[in-house]
């Protein structure tokens, strides 16, 4: 499955639709104004049901986000996404929840990413940013059908937040 992420370039409050490669809408995403509070990103299905909420933690160096699901009451995080220390020419993130860990690694410039199961090293998906676009445009190719598309989308959104839209 391929999802296309096309963000609006000038916006105080991010709100955009995620489509598949055929233009069929799958999700819409809404984010808050990061100047006034911790960053929050809400992912909704096309029936207007919130499926995932991401909330930043206060950190000094490396980005961390808690993941919340409405089914869990939204009071306790169900997963943690965090930036890992990286060496030149690579960027790394790690996501952990009750199902295990996902390792995410990318190129130094942050345009090509691999998403793998940390235990088995099996490829779960790839994320590629398009060059020469006015607005951020990504292709998320989910190669493991057992992975939650909303969760994989969340990884893409956080990578973009960290590397292409400022901190």
Foldseek 3Di string as FASTA:
>chain_A
DKKKDWWDQDDQKTWDFIAGPVRHTFWIKTWHRPPPDWIKIWIAGPVRHTAKMWTWDDDDPKTKIFIDGVVVVRPDGQKMKIWDDDDPQKTWIWMQGPVAIWIKMDTNLLAKIFIAGPPPRHTQWIKGWDPPDSTTMIMIGGPDPVDDPVVSVVVVVVSCVPRPVDD
